[in-house]
Amino acid sequence: MDDKTLLQMANDVRKNAYCPYSNFPVGAALLCSDGTVFTGVNVENAVNGLSICA
């Protein structure tokens, strides 16, 4: 898998981000050595310390 595909996957998954406070959706795509790809997004909480970033 090439970098362009990973970037596209990260961009596509951004729609799943929950960021009502920053309005800054973040997406990530991680390629593992066995070819598995994990994606993630940022998730915000009203209590800022409980927010999670991709």
N, C-alpha and C. Protein backbone atom coordinates (compact mmCIF):
# COMPACT_ATOMS: atom_id res chain seq x y z
N MET A 1 0.85 -1.17 0.00
CA MET A 1 0.00 0.00 0.00
C MET A 1 0.89 1.24 0.00
N ASP A 2 0.53 2.22 -0.80
CA ASP A 2 1.36 3.42 -0.90
C ASP A 2 0.84 4.53 0.02
N ASP A 3 1.67 5.55 0.18
CA ASP A 3 1.34 6.67 1.07
C ASP A 3 0.07 7.39 0.64
N LYS A 4 -0.13 7.52 -0.67
CA LYS A 4 -1.30 8.22 -1.18
C LYS A 4 -2.59 7.53 -0.72
N THR A 5 -2.59 6.21 -0.75
CA THR A 5 -3.76 5.45 -0.31
C THR A 5 -4.01 5.64 1.18
N LEU A 6 -2.94 5.60 1.98
CA LEU A 6 -3.08 5.81 3.42
C LEU A 6 -3.60 7.22 3.72
N LEU A 7 -3.09 8.21 3.02
CA LEU A 7 -3.57 9.58 3.22
C LEU A 7 -5.04 9.70 2.86
N GLN A 8 -5.45 9.04 1.79
CA GLN A 8 -6.86 9.07 1.39
C GLN A 8 -7.74 8.40 2.44
N MET A 9 -7.26 7.29 3.00
CA MET A 9 -8.01 6.60 4.06
C MET A 9 -8.15 7.49 5.29
N ALA A 10 -7.08 8.17 5.67
CA ALA A 10 -7.12 9.07 6.82
C ALA A 10 -8.07 10.23 6.56
N ASN A 11 -8.05 10.75 5.36
CA ASN A 11 -8.95 11.85 5.01
C ASN A 11 -10.40 11.38 5.00
N ASP A 12 -10.66 10.20 4.48
CA ASP A 12 -12.03 9.67 4.41
C ASP A 12 -12.63 9.44 5.79
N VAL A 13 -11.83 8.97 6.73
CA VAL A 13 -12.34 8.63 8.06
C VAL A 13 -12.60 9.87 8.92
N ARG A 14 -12.09 11.02 8.51
CA ARG A 14 -12.29 12.26 9.27
C ARG A 14 -13.77 12.56 9.51
N LYS A 15 -14.63 12.09 8.62
CA LYS A 15 -16.06 12.35 8.76
C LYS A 15 -16.63 11.73 10.04
N ASN A 16 -15.92 10.78 10.63
CA ASN A 16 -16.35 10.12 11.86
C ASN A 16 -15.86 10.83 13.12
N ALA A 17 -15.08 11.89 12.96
CA ALA A 17 -14.55 12.61 14.12
C ALA A 17 -15.69 13.32 14.86
N TYR A 18 -15.55 13.42 16.17
CA TYR A 18 -16.50 14.16 17.00
C TYR A 18 -15.74 15.32 17.62
N CYS A 19 -15.91 16.50 17.04
CA CYS A 19 -15.12 17.65 17.48
C CYS A 19 -15.97 18.92 17.53
N PRO A 20 -17.00 18.94 18.39
CA PRO A 20 -17.89 20.11 18.44
C PRO A 20 -17.24 21.35 19.05
N TYR A 21 -16.12 21.21 19.73
CA TYR A 21 -15.49 22.35 20.41
C TYR A 21 -14.40 22.98 19.55
N SER A 22 -13.55 22.18 18.96
CA SER A 22 -12.47 22.72 18.14
C SER A 22 -12.88 22.86 16.67
N ASN A 23 -13.89 22.11 16.26
CA ASN A 23 -14.28 22.06 14.84
C ASN A 23 -13.09 21.73 13.95
N PHE A 24 -12.22 20.86 14.45
CA PHE A 24 -11.01 20.46 13.73
C PHE A 24 -10.96 18.93 13.66
N PRO A 25 -11.60 18.34 12.64
CA PRO A 25 -11.60 16.88 12.53
C PRO A 25 -10.23 16.34 12.16
N VAL A 26 -9.82 15.29 12.86
CA VAL A 26 -8.52 14.65 12.61
C VAL A 26 -8.77 13.20 12.26
N GLY A 27 -8.09 12.72 11.23
CA GLY A 27 -8.14 11.31 10.87
C GLY A 27 -6.73 10.77 10.77
N ALA A 28 -6.59 9.48 11.05
CA ALA A 28 -5.28 8.84 10.97
C ALA A 28 -5.44 7.45 10.38
N ALA A 29 -4.41 6.99 9.68
CA ALA A 29 -4.38 5.63 9.15
C ALA A 29 -2.99 5.06 9.43
N LEU A 30 -2.96 3.89 10.05
CA LEU A 30 -1.71 3.24 10.43
C LEU A 30 -1.59 1.92 9.70
N LEU A 31 -0.51 1.75 8.96
CA LEU A 31 -0.24 0.51 8.24
C LEU A 31 0.70 -0.35 9.06
N CYS A 32 0.26 -1.55 9.41
CA CYS A 32 1.08 -2.49 10.19
C CYS A 32 1.92 -3.36 9.25
N SER A 33 2.92 -3.99 9.81
CA SER A 33 3.84 -4.80 9.01
C SER A 33 3.15 -5.98 8.34
N ASP A 34 2.02 -6.44 8.89
CA ASP A 34 1.30 -7.55 8.27
C ASP A 34 0.28 -7.09 7.23
N GLY A 35 0.23 -5.78 6.96
CA GLY A 35 -0.67 -5.24 5.95
C GLY A 35 -2.00 -4.74 6.51
N THR A 36 -2.25 -4.97 7.78
CA THR A 36 -3.47 -4.48 8.40
C THR A 36 -3.41 -2.96 8.51
N VAL A 37 -4.53 -2.30 8.25
CA VAL A 37 -4.61 -0.85 8.39
C VAL A 37 -5.62 -0.53 9.49
N PHE A 38 -5.19 0.28 10.45
CA PHE A 38 -6.07 0.77 11.50
C PHE A 38 -6.31 2.25 11.25
N THR A 39 -7.56 2.68 11.39
CA THR A 39 -7.88 4.09 11.25
C THR A 39 -8.43 4.60 12.57
N GLY A 40 -8.33 5.91 12.77
CA GLY A 40 -8.84 6.52 13.99
C GLY A 40 -9.14 7.99 13.78
N VAL A 41 -9.88 8.55 14.72
CA VAL A 41 -10.27 9.96 14.64
C VAL A 41 -10.18 10.59 16.03
N ASN A 42 -10.27 11.93 16.07
CA ASN A 42 -10.31 12.59 17.36
C ASN A 42 -11.73 12.58 17.92
N VAL A 43 -11.82 12.49 19.24
CA VAL A 43 -13.10 12.48 19.95
C VAL A 43 -12.96 13.47 21.11
N GLU A 44 -13.76 14.53 21.08
CA GLU A 44 -13.68 15.56 22.11
C GLU A 44 -14.76 15.36 23.16
N ASN A 45 -14.48 15.91 24.33
CA ASN A 45 -15.41 15.86 25.45
C ASN A 45 -15.46 17.25 26.06
N ALA A 46 -16.58 17.59 26.69
CA ALA A 46 -16.71 18.91 27.32
C ALA A 46 -15.63 19.13 28.37
N VAL A 47 -15.18 18.05 29.01
CA VAL A 47 -14.05 18.12 29.93
C VAL A 47 -12.81 17.90 29.08
N ASN A 48 -12.06 18.96 28.82
CA ASN A 48 -10.97 18.91 27.85
C ASN A 48 -9.97 17.80 28.10
N GLY A 49 -9.70 17.44 29.32
CA GLY A 49 -8.73 16.40 29.62
C GLY A 49 -9.19 15.01 29.19
N LEU A 50 -10.46 14.86 28.86
CA LEU A 50 -10.98 13.56 28.44
C LEU A 50 -11.03 13.40 26.93
N SER A 51 -10.57 14.38 26.19
CA SER A 51 -10.55 14.30 24.73
C SER A 51 -9.47 13.34 24.28
N ILE A 52 -9.71 12.70 23.14
CA ILE A 52 -8.76 11.75 22.56
C ILE A 52 -8.48 12.19 21.13
N CYS A 53 -7.22 12.20 20.75
CA CYS A 53 -6.86 12.55 19.38
C CYS A 53 -6.41 11.31 18.64
N ALA A 54 -6.65 11.32 17.34
CA ALA A 54 -6.25 10.19 16.51
C ALA A 54 -4.76 10.00 16.58
